[in-house]
Amino acid sequence: MPASTVVGFDGSRTAWSALRWAAEDAARRELGLRIVHVREPWCAEHPMDASAETDTLTARCEKMLADAAARAREVAPRTPVSTALITGAVTERLVTESESADTVVVGSRGLGGFAGLVLGSVGLGLAGHAACPVVVVRRMPRAPGGDVVVGYDGSPAAERALEYAAKQAVARRSRLLALHGLRCPPAAPHPAGFGPLMTVDDGDEIARRLGEWRDTHPGVEASVSLSFEHPIAALSAASRTAELVVVGAVGLTGLPPGRLGSVVHSVLHRAHCPVAVVNGPSPSA
């Protein structure tokens, strides 16, 4: 069975945006769509505001999933849509879903979010532990037809991010823009806390490696942008006109599994379009 696009859905505003993004992605790449709601085990079956004996939490969850499936079929009428009501801790259950998914999609904040937070704990935890790419939908793209932007620093995670970004660009018929923020301007010392020291020649090496990649992927319209801006600023700026920003979960910093790099963490909070975090190769790779 081919892997599906999985969307974590809880009925929140950003969850509806995530559902739309996931349905369009599944249709575009000819995948199935699986809509998952995770019911936490400590939630009461009979809500305090229940209007009747039959007004249970299970019934509400099933109705919410049915409404979500109906909306997904409107967005992507030819896409196979399935739903699942699962009990457990939200992040853990979605991590399990990621083991057999092509991509897992979530909104930036669910119903349990605290006022003032830009990104919820589920999105952050899932992005750090999932076995497939995770797309966090904070905002939908401002205008269709933008680039698919991938942050590239030469790390193994960046290589996987580049491959996923290429698949997205081909499916969207968009240009792939590989962006590398040079971390060490020629006349300035390396700022503390921004990762390992980089030489001035790093830009030439990155351009060479990306050039080799383009030669082996002739069907992908790709360009390279090298910038003396910090990667966070460069990716955030590019996200204003991009359809999707793709980043590796961990760059050259060598963080242990489950820990997101500072660039990824900041881009998730600042991006003006959906962000895909690639933590490992997708099953369809």
C-alpha atoms as a PDB file:
ATOM      1  CA  MET A   1       0.000   0.000   0.000  1.00  0.00           C
ATOM      2  CA  PRO A   2       1.383   3.446  -0.886  1.00  0.00           C
ATOM      3  CA  ALA A   3       1.895   5.816   2.032  1.00  0.00           C
ATOM      4  CA  SER A   4      -0.773   8.443   2.690  1.00  0.00           C
ATOM      5  CA  THR A   5      -0.788  12.056   3.720  1.00  0.00           C
ATOM      6  CA  VAL A   6      -1.914  12.089   7.358  1.00  0.00           C
ATOM      7  CA  VAL A   7      -3.457  15.166   8.955  1.00  0.00           C
ATOM      8  CA  GLY A   8      -3.901  15.571  12.695  1.00  0.00           C
ATOM      9  CA  PHE A   9      -7.291  17.207  13.180  1.00  0.00           C
ATOM     10  CA  ASP A  10      -8.900  18.666  16.324  1.00  0.00           C
ATOM     11  CA  GLY A  11     -11.417  21.130  14.893  1.00  0.00           C
ATOM     12  CA  SER A  12      -9.360  24.249  15.644  1.00  0.00           C
ATOM     13  CA  ARG A  13      -8.950  27.076  13.146  1.00  0.00           C
ATOM     14  CA  THR A  14      -5.448  26.068  12.124  1.00  0.00           C
ATOM     15  CA  ALA A  15      -6.534  22.415  11.917  1.00  0.00           C
ATOM     16  CA  TRP A  16      -8.978  23.351   9.149  1.00  0.00           C
ATOM     17  CA  SER A  17      -6.127  25.064   7.294  1.00  0.00           C
ATOM     18  CA  ALA A  18      -3.979  21.977   7.796  1.00  0.00           C
ATOM     19  CA  LEU A  19      -6.808  19.802   6.456  1.00  0.00           C
ATOM     20  CA  ARG A  20      -7.089  21.898   3.313  1.00  0.00           C
ATOM     21  CA  TRP A  21      -3.318  21.824   2.781  1.00  0.00           C
ATOM     22  CA  ALA A  22      -3.191  18.052   3.316  1.00  0.00           C
ATOM     23  CA  ALA A  23      -6.116  17.366   0.981  1.00  0.00           C
ATOM     24  CA  GLU A  24      -4.559  19.461  -1.784  1.00  0.00           C
ATOM     25  CA  ASP A  25      -1.186  17.802  -1.237  1.00  0.00           C
ATOM     26  CA  ALA A  26      -2.672  14.307  -1.369  1.00  0.00           C
ATOM     27  CA  ALA A  27      -4.560  15.102  -4.573  1.00  0.00           C
ATOM     28  CA  ARG A  28      -1.546  16.732  -6.177  1.00  0.00           C
ATOM     29  CA  ARG A  29       0.749  13.797  -5.440  1.00  0.00           C
ATOM     30  CA  GLU A  30      -1.917  11.091  -5.944  1.00  0.00           C
ATOM     31  CA  LEU A  31      -1.825   9.858  -2.355  1.00  0.00           C
ATOM     32  CA  GLY A  32      -4.571   8.834   0.023  1.00  0.00           C
ATOM     33  CA  LEU A  33      -5.620  11.177   2.835  1.00  0.00           C
ATOM     34  CA  ARG A  34      -5.988   9.902   6.402  1.00  0.00           C
ATOM     35  CA  ILE A  35      -7.648  12.251   8.901  1.00  0.00           C
ATOM     36  CA  VAL A  36      -6.722  11.420  12.475  1.00  0.00           C
ATOM     37  CA  HIS A  37      -8.182  12.750  15.690  1.00  0.00           C
ATOM     38  CA  VAL A  38      -6.448  11.744  18.906  1.00  0.00           C
ATOM     39  CA  ARG A  39      -8.739  11.606  21.919  1.00  0.00           C
ATOM     40  CA  GLU A  40      -6.836  11.975  25.149  1.00  0.00           C
ATOM     41  CA  PRO A  41      -7.762   9.201  27.637  1.00  0.00           C
ATOM     42  CA  TRP A  42      -8.360  11.548  30.570  1.00  0.00           C
ATOM     43  CA  CYS A  43     -11.188  13.403  28.808  1.00  0.00           C
ATOM     44  CA  ALA A  44     -14.644  12.541  30.158  1.00  0.00           C
ATOM     45  CA  GLU A  45     -16.979  10.576  27.899  1.00  0.00           C
ATOM     46  CA  HIS A  46     -19.948  12.659  29.089  1.00  0.00           C
ATOM     47  CA  PRO A  47     -19.085  16.379  28.788  1.00  0.00           C
ATOM     48  CA  MET A  48     -20.419  18.777  31.392  1.00  0.00           C
ATOM     49  CA  ASP A  49     -22.333  20.679  28.688  1.00  0.00           C
ATOM     50  CA  ALA A  50     -23.925  17.539  27.168  1.00  0.00           C
ATOM     51  CA  SER A  51     -27.523  18.141  26.084  1.00  0.00           C
ATOM     52  CA  ALA A  52     -28.598  14.494  26.136  1.00  0.00           C
ATOM     53  CA  GLU A  53     -27.410  11.025  27.121  1.00  0.00           C
ATOM     54  CA  THR A  54     -26.346  10.389  23.536  1.00  0.00           C
ATOM     55  CA  ASP A  55     -24.303  13.604  23.441  1.00  0.00           C
ATOM     56  CA  THR A  56     -20.987  11.942  24.278  1.00  0.00           C
ATOM     57  CA  LEU A  57     -17.404  12.857  23.573  1.00  0.00           C
ATOM     58  CA  THR A  58     -17.129   9.900  21.197  1.00  0.00           C
ATOM     59  CA  ALA A  59     -20.165  11.071  19.242  1.00  0.00           C
ATOM     60  CA  ARG A  60     -18.748  14.595  19.022  1.00  0.00           C
ATOM     61  CA  CYS A  61     -15.388  13.307  17.804  1.00  0.00           C
ATOM     62  CA  GLU A  62     -17.014  11.091  15.183  1.00  0.00           C
ATOM     63  CA  LYS A  63     -19.147  14.002  13.970  1.00  0.00           C
ATOM     64  CA  MET A  64     -16.069  16.236  13.766  1.00  0.00           C
ATOM     65  CA  LEU A  65     -14.211  13.632  11.709  1.00  0.00           C
ATOM     66  CA  ALA A  66     -17.203  13.159   9.407  1.00  0.00           C
ATOM     67  CA  ASP A  67     -17.374  16.924   8.815  1.00  0.00           C
ATOM     68  CA  ALA A  68     -13.631  17.015   8.142  1.00  0.00           C
ATOM     69  CA  ALA A  69     -13.882  14.132   5.667  1.00  0.00           C
ATOM     70  CA  ALA A  70     -16.745  15.852   3.857  1.00  0.00           C
ATOM     71  CA  ARG A  71     -14.703  19.028   3.554  1.00  0.00           C
ATOM     72  CA  ALA A  72     -11.659  17.104   2.325  1.00  0.00           C
ATOM     73  CA  ARG A  73     -13.745  15.437  -0.397  1.00  0.00           C
ATOM     74  CA  GLU A  74     -14.922  18.855  -1.540  1.00  0.00           C
ATOM     75  CA  VAL A  75     -11.309  20.031  -1.823  1.00  0.00           C
ATOM     76  CA  ALA A  76     -10.017  16.797  -3.396  1.00  0.00           C
ATOM     77  CA  PRO A  77     -12.960  14.834  -4.841  1.00  0.00           C
ATOM     78  CA  ARG A  78     -10.816  12.097  -6.427  1.00  0.00           C
ATOM     79  CA  THR A  79      -8.666  11.451  -3.375  1.00  0.00           C
ATOM     80  CA  PRO A  80      -9.385   8.408  -1.180  1.00  0.00           C
ATOM     81  CA  VAL A  81     -10.225   9.763   2.291  1.00  0.00           C
ATOM     82  CA  SER A  82     -10.288   7.776   5.526  1.00  0.00           C
ATOM     83  CA  THR A  83     -10.671   8.773   9.175  1.00  0.00           C
ATOM     84  CA  ALA A  84      -9.412   7.388  12.464  1.00  0.00           C
ATOM     85  CA  LEU A  85     -10.373   8.129  16.071  1.00  0.00           C
ATOM     86  CA  ILE A  86      -7.457   7.132  18.289  1.00  0.00           C
ATOM     87  CA  THR A  87      -7.054   7.289  22.059  1.00  0.00           C
ATOM     88  CA  GLY A  88      -3.757   8.322  23.618  1.00  0.00           C
ATOM     89  CA  ALA A  89      -1.280  11.170  23.986  1.00  0.00           C
ATOM     90  CA  VAL A  90      -1.533  13.347  20.888  1.00  0.00           C
ATOM     91  CA  THR A  91       2.147  13.674  20.005  1.00  0.00           C
ATOM     92  CA  GLU A  92       2.910  10.000  20.661  1.00  0.00           C
ATOM     93  CA  ARG A  93       0.005   8.768  18.541  1.00  0.00           C
ATOM     94  CA  LEU A  94       0.907  11.080  15.647  1.00  0.00           C
ATOM     95  CA  VAL A  95       4.536   9.937  15.843  1.00  0.00           C
ATOM     96  CA  THR A  96       3.230   6.378  15.462  1.00  0.00           C
ATOM     97  CA  GLU A  97       1.175   7.497  12.445  1.00  0.00           C
ATOM     98  CA  SER A  98       4.333   8.970  10.915  1.00  0.00           C
ATOM     99  CA  GLU A  99       5.956   5.537  10.739  1.00  0.00           C
ATOM    100  CA  SER A 100       3.734   4.557   7.816  1.00  0.00           C
ATOM    101  CA  ALA A 101       2.890   7.997   6.366  1.00  0.00           C
ATOM    102  CA  ASP A 102       4.394   9.962   3.511  1.00  0.00           C
ATOM    103  CA  THR A 103       3.816  13.241   5.361  1.00  0.00           C
ATOM    104  CA  VAL A 104       2.071  14.258   8.585  1.00  0.00           C
ATOM    105  CA  VAL A 105       0.332  17.645   8.575  1.00  0.00           C
ATOM    106  CA  VAL A 106      -0.743  19.616  11.644  1.00  0.00           C
ATOM    107  CA  GLY A 107      -1.938  23.112  12.420  1.00  0.00           C
ATOM    108  CA  SER A 108       0.350  25.430  14.323  1.00  0.00           C
ATOM    109  CA  ARG A 109      -1.902  25.557  17.391  1.00  0.00           C
ATOM    110  CA  GLY A 110      -4.700  23.289  18.530  1.00  0.00           C
ATOM    111  CA  LEU A 111      -7.641  23.835  20.836  1.00  0.00           C
ATOM    112  CA  GLY A 112      -5.466  23.320  23.893  1.00  0.00           C
ATOM    113  CA  GLY A 113      -3.049  26.126  23.037  1.00  0.00           C
ATOM    114  CA  PHE A 114      -2.341  28.997  25.395  1.00  0.00           C
ATOM    115  CA  ALA A 115      -3.096  32.547  24.291  1.00  0.00           C
ATOM    116  CA  GLY A 116      -0.042  34.252  22.857  1.00  0.00           C
ATOM    117  CA  LEU A 117       1.742  31.078  21.741  1.00  0.00           C
ATOM    118  CA  VAL A 118       2.584  30.986  18.034  1.00  0.00           C
ATOM    119  CA  LEU A 119       3.264  27.255  17.833  1.00  0.00           C
ATOM    120  CA  GLY A 120       1.829  24.511  20.020  1.00  0.00           C
ATOM    121  CA  SER A 121       3.712  21.724  21.762  1.00  0.00           C
ATOM    122  CA  VAL A 122       2.278  19.064  19.438  1.00  0.00           C
ATOM    123  CA  GLY A 123       3.812  20.685  16.357  1.00  0.00           C
ATOM    124  CA  LEU A 124       7.196  21.097  18.001  1.00  0.00           C
ATOM    125  CA  GLY A 125       7.262  17.608  19.512  1.00  0.00           C
ATOM    126  CA  LEU A 126       6.083  15.926  16.339  1.00  0.00           C
ATOM    127  CA  ALA A 127       8.592  17.791  14.156  1.00  0.00           C
ATOM    128  CA  GLY A 128      11.431  16.532  16.341  1.00  0.00           C
ATOM    129  CA  HIS A 129      10.409  12.878  16.551  1.00  0.00           C
ATOM    130  CA  ALA A 130       8.424  11.939  13.427  1.00  0.00           C
ATOM    131  CA  ALA A 131       9.712   9.282  11.055  1.00  0.00           C
ATOM    132  CA  CYS A 132       8.524  11.206   7.982  1.00  0.00           C
ATOM    133  CA  PRO A 133       8.337  14.864   6.962  1.00  0.00           C
ATOM    134  CA  VAL A 134       6.038  17.010   9.122  1.00  0.00           C
ATOM    135  CA  VAL A 135       4.249  20.035   7.679  1.00  0.00           C
ATOM    136  CA  VAL A 136       3.186  22.685  10.180  1.00  0.00           C
ATOM    137  CA  VAL A 137       0.531  25.001   8.770  1.00  0.00           C
ATOM    138  CA  ARG A 138       0.578  28.308  10.564  1.00  0.00           C
ATOM    139  CA  ARG A 139      -0.452  30.368   7.571  1.00  0.00           C
ATOM    140  CA  MET A 140      -1.525  29.381   4.074  1.00  0.00           C
ATOM    141  CA  PRO A 141       0.601  30.827   1.250  1.00  0.00           C
ATOM    142  CA  ARG A 142      -0.270  34.424   0.431  1.00  0.00           C
ATOM    143  CA  ALA A 143      -0.467  33.697  -3.293  1.00  0.00           C
ATOM    144  CA  PRO A 144      -0.258  30.430  -5.261  1.00  0.00           C
ATOM    145  CA  GLY A 145       2.554  29.852  -7.699  1.00  0.00           C
ATOM    146  CA  GLY A 146       5.445  30.740  -5.396  1.00  0.00           C
ATOM    147  CA  ASP A 147       8.710  28.868  -5.028  1.00  0.00           C
ATOM    148  CA  VAL A 148       9.322  25.830  -2.886  1.00  0.00           C
ATOM    149  CA  VAL A 149      12.190  27.082  -0.719  1.00  0.00           C
ATOM    150  CA  VAL A 150      14.585  24.680   0.977  1.00  0.00           C
ATOM    151  CA  GLY A 151      17.207  25.633   3.523  1.00  0.00           C
ATOM    152  CA  TYR A 152      20.449  23.880   2.656  1.00  0.00           C
ATOM    153  CA  ASP A 153      23.622  23.668   4.750  1.00  0.00           C
ATOM    154  CA  GLY A 154      25.126  20.448   3.399  1.00  0.00           C
ATOM    155  CA  SER A 155      24.087  18.297   6.378  1.00  0.00           C
ATOM    156  CA  PRO A 156      22.455  14.847   5.934  1.00  0.00           C
ATOM    157  CA  ALA A 157      19.121  16.280   7.090  1.00  0.00           C
ATOM    158  CA  ALA A 158      19.438  19.063   4.511  1.00  0.00           C
ATOM    159  CA  GLU A 159      20.040  16.469   1.788  1.00  0.00           C
ATOM    160  CA  ARG A 160      16.793  14.716   2.725  1.00  0.00           C
ATOM    161  CA  ALA A 161      15.009  18.062   2.900  1.00  0.00           C
ATOM    162  CA  LEU A 162      16.254  18.856  -0.598  1.00  0.00           C
ATOM    163  CA  GLU A 163      14.819  15.603  -1.964  1.00  0.00           C
ATOM    164  CA  TYR A 164      11.439  16.213  -0.319  1.00  0.00           C
ATOM    165  CA  ALA A 165      11.381  19.810  -1.556  1.00  0.00           C
ATOM    166  CA  ALA A 166      12.101  18.603  -5.087  1.00  0.00           C
ATOM    167  CA  LYS A 167       9.120  16.221  -4.987  1.00  0.00           C
ATOM    168  CA  GLN A 168       6.907  19.062  -3.798  1.00  0.00           C
ATOM    169  CA  ALA A 169       8.208  21.406  -6.492  1.00  0.00           C
ATOM    170  CA  VAL A 170       7.595  18.865  -9.261  1.00  0.00           C
ATOM    171  CA  ALA A 171       4.064  18.143  -8.023  1.00  0.00           C
ATOM    172  CA  ARG A 172       3.279  21.862  -7.776  1.00  0.00           C
ATOM    173  CA  ARG A 173       5.070  22.733 -11.037  1.00  0.00           C
ATOM    174  CA  SER A 174       6.969  25.309  -9.046  1.00  0.00           C
ATOM    175  CA  ARG A 175      10.568  26.410  -9.016  1.00  0.00           C
ATOM    176  CA  LEU A 176      12.806  24.948  -6.343  1.00  0.00           C
ATOM    177  CA  LEU A 177      14.921  27.562  -4.590  1.00  0.00           C
ATOM    178  CA  ALA A 178      17.793  26.192  -2.496  1.00  0.00           C
ATOM    179  CA  LEU A 179      18.772  28.865  -0.013  1.00  0.00           C
ATOM    180  CA  HIS A 180      22.023  28.882   1.931  1.00  0.00           C
ATOM    181  CA  GLY A 181      22.600  31.590   4.504  1.00  0.00           C
ATOM    182  CA  LEU A 182      26.330  32.155   4.806  1.00  0.00           C
ATOM    183  CA  ARG A 183      27.046  32.175   8.513  1.00  0.00           C
ATOM    184  CA  CYS A 184      30.321  34.063   8.552  1.00  0.00           C
ATOM    185  CA  PRO A 185      30.568  37.374   6.668  1.00  0.00           C
ATOM    186  CA  PRO A 186      34.104  37.983   5.322  1.00  0.00           C
ATOM    187  CA  ALA A 187      34.901  40.899   7.621  1.00  0.00           C
ATOM    188  CA  ALA A 188      33.173  39.778  10.818  1.00  0.00           C
ATOM    189  CA  PRO A 189      33.816  37.131  13.472  1.00  0.00           C
ATOM    190  CA  HIS A 190      31.392  34.250  13.769  1.00  0.00           C
ATOM    191  CA  PRO A 191      28.554  35.106  16.211  1.00  0.00           C
ATOM    192  CA  ALA A 192      28.474  32.935  19.293  1.00  0.00           C
ATOM    193  CA  GLY A 193      25.709  30.357  19.457  1.00  0.00           C
ATOM    194  CA  PHE A 194      25.046  30.169  15.704  1.00  0.00           C
ATOM    195  CA  GLY A 195      26.728  26.794  15.145  1.00  0.00           C
ATOM    196  CA  PRO A 196      30.183  25.753  13.950  1.00  0.00           C
ATOM    197  CA  LEU A 197      32.554  28.197  12.306  1.00  0.00           C
ATOM    198  CA  MET A 198      32.177  28.402   8.535  1.00  0.00           C
ATOM    199  CA  THR A 199      34.883  29.532   6.143  1.00  0.00           C
ATOM    200  CA  VAL A 200      34.363  32.062   3.372  1.00  0.00           C
ATOM    201  CA  ASP A 201      34.825  29.231   0.844  1.00  0.00           C
ATOM    202  CA  ASP A 202      31.740  27.486   2.217  1.00  0.00           C
ATOM    203  CA  GLY A 203      29.518  29.284  -0.285  1.00  0.00           C
ATOM    204  CA  ASP A 204      31.524  27.972  -3.231  1.00  0.00           C
ATOM    205  CA  GLU A 205      31.358  24.433  -1.862  1.00  0.00           C
ATOM    206  CA  ILE A 206      27.600  24.641  -1.286  1.00  0.00           C
ATOM    207  CA  ALA A 207      27.070  25.997  -4.806  1.00  0.00           C
ATOM    208  CA  ARG A 208      29.187  23.162  -6.242  1.00  0.00           C
ATOM    209  CA  ARG A 209      27.245  20.487  -4.384  1.00  0.00           C
ATOM    210  CA  LEU A 210      23.908  21.956  -5.377  1.00  0.00           C
ATOM    211  CA  GLY A 211      25.124  22.202  -8.965  1.00  0.00           C
ATOM    212  CA  GLU A 212      25.902  18.485  -8.929  1.00  0.00           C
ATOM    213  CA  TRP A 213      22.457  17.796  -7.500  1.00  0.00           C
ATOM    214  CA  ARG A 214      20.796  19.787 -10.281  1.00  0.00           C
ATOM    215  CA  ASP A 215      22.743  17.814 -12.880  1.00  0.00           C
ATOM    216  CA  THR A 216      21.269  14.560 -11.534  1.00  0.00           C
ATOM    217  CA  HIS A 217      17.723  15.985 -11.361  1.00  0.00           C
ATOM    218  CA  PRO A 218      17.252  17.529 -14.814  1.00  0.00           C
ATOM    219  CA  GLY A 219      13.440  17.514 -14.493  1.00  0.00           C
ATOM    220  CA  VAL A 220      13.481  19.939 -11.561  1.00  0.00           C
ATOM    221  CA  GLU A 221      13.639  23.659 -12.232  1.00  0.00           C
ATOM    222  CA  ALA A 222      16.033  24.694  -9.486  1.00  0.00           C
ATOM    223  CA  SER A 223      18.095  27.726  -8.565  1.00  0.00           C
ATOM    224  CA  VAL A 224      20.525  28.497  -5.761  1.00  0.00           C
ATOM    225  CA  SER A 225      20.633  31.590  -3.576  1.00  0.00           C
ATOM    226  CA  LEU A 226      23.576  32.368  -1.307  1.00  0.00           C
ATOM    227  CA  SER A 227      23.064  35.091   1.258  1.00  0.00           C
ATOM    228  CA  PHE A 228      25.130  36.719   4.015  1.00  0.00           C
ATOM    229  CA  GLU A 229      21.956  36.948   6.095  1.00  0.00           C
ATOM    230  CA  HIS A 230      21.587  34.495   8.938  1.00  0.00           C
ATOM    231  CA  PRO A 231      19.571  31.442   7.787  1.00  0.00           C
ATOM    232  CA  ILE A 232      16.653  32.374  10.063  1.00  0.00           C
ATOM    233  CA  ALA A 233      16.311  35.834   8.508  1.00  0.00           C
ATOM    234  CA  ALA A 234      16.849  34.543   4.976  1.00  0.00           C
ATOM    235  CA  LEU A 235      14.281  31.742   5.233  1.00  0.00           C
ATOM    236  CA  SER A 236      11.736  33.935   7.007  1.00  0.00           C
ATOM    237  CA  ALA A 237      12.033  36.582   4.293  1.00  0.00           C
ATOM    238  CA  ALA A 238      11.751  33.979   1.517  1.00  0.00           C
ATOM    239  CA  SER A 239       8.618  32.538   3.138  1.00  0.00           C
ATOM    240  CA  ARG A 240       6.672  35.724   2.365  1.00  0.00           C
ATOM    241  CA  THR A 241       6.367  34.753  -1.304  1.00  0.00           C
ATOM    242  CA  ALA A 242       6.927  30.983  -1.074  1.00  0.00           C
ATOM    243  CA  GLU A 243       4.377  28.191  -1.280  1.00  0.00           C
ATOM    244  CA  LEU A 244       6.330  26.008   1.109  1.00  0.00           C
ATOM    245  CA  VAL A 245       9.545  26.231   3.124  1.00  0.00           C
ATOM    246  CA  VAL A 246      11.399  22.962   3.742  1.00  0.00           C
ATOM    247  CA  VAL A 247      14.104  22.508   6.382  1.00  0.00           C
ATOM    248  CA  GLY A 248      16.010  19.621   7.908  1.00  0.00           C
ATOM    249  CA  ALA A 249      15.214  18.982  11.570  1.00  0.00           C
ATOM    250  CA  VAL A 250      18.880  19.202  12.573  1.00  0.00           C
ATOM    251  CA  GLY A 251      21.641  20.931  10.666  1.00  0.00           C
ATOM    252  CA  LEU A 252      25.366  20.926  11.240  1.00  0.00           C
ATOM    253  CA  THR A 253      25.032  21.424  14.989  1.00  0.00           C
ATOM    254  CA  GLY A 254      24.903  17.687  15.704  1.00  0.00           C
ATOM    255  CA  LEU A 255      22.016  17.795  18.169  1.00  0.00           C
ATOM    256  CA  PRO A 256      20.723  14.468  19.519  1.00  0.00           C
ATOM    257  CA  PRO A 257      17.594  12.909  17.957  1.00  0.00           C
ATOM    258  CA  GLY A 258      14.363  14.607  18.991  1.00  0.00           C
ATOM    259  CA  ARG A 259      15.955  18.048  19.373  1.00  0.00           C
ATOM    260  CA  LEU A 260      15.190  20.675  16.769  1.00  0.00           C
ATOM    261  CA  GLY A 261      17.943  23.021  15.673  1.00  0.00           C
ATOM    262  CA  SER A 262      17.613  26.708  16.498  1.00  0.00           C
ATOM    263  CA  VAL A 263      17.089  27.607  12.833  1.00  0.00           C
ATOM    264  CA  VAL A 264      14.180  25.177  12.469  1.00  0.00           C
ATOM    265  CA  HIS A 265      12.620  26.268  15.746  1.00  0.00           C
ATOM    266  CA  SER A 266      12.753  29.939  14.769  1.00  0.00           C
ATOM    267  CA  VAL A 267      11.527  29.405  11.198  1.00  0.00           C
ATOM    268  CA  LEU A 268       8.511  27.467  12.487  1.00  0.00           C
ATOM    269  CA  HIS A 269       7.570  30.523  14.564  1.00  0.00           C
ATOM    270  CA  ARG A 270       8.322  33.182  11.942  1.00  0.00           C
ATOM    271  CA  ALA A 271       7.372  31.713   8.564  1.00  0.00           C
ATOM    272  CA  HIS A 272       4.593  33.262   6.495  1.00  0.00           C
ATOM    273  CA  CYS A 273       3.710  29.979   4.753  1.00  0.00           C
ATOM    274  CA  PRO A 274       3.561  26.280   5.702  1.00  0.00           C
ATOM    275  CA  VAL A 275       6.869  24.752   6.828  1.00  0.00           C
ATOM    276  CA  ALA A 276       7.956  21.154   6.219  1.00  0.00           C
ATOM    277  CA  VAL A 277      10.457  19.710   8.698  1.00  0.00           C
ATOM    278  CA  VAL A 278      12.272  16.645   7.392  1.00  0.00           C
ATOM    279  CA  ASN A 279      13.466  14.454  10.209  1.00  0.00           C
ATOM    280  CA  GLY A 280      14.101  11.332   8.179  1.00  0.00           C
ATOM    281  CA  PRO A 281      13.482   9.804   4.747  1.00  0.00           C
ATOM    282  CA  SER A 282       9.828   9.368   3.834  1.00  0.00           C
ATOM    283  CA  PRO A 283       8.539   5.857   3.119  1.00  0.00           C
ATOM    284  CA  SER A 284       7.968   6.675  -0.536  1.00  0.00           C
ATOM    285  CA  ALA A 285      11.543   7.904  -1.049  1.00  0.00           C
END
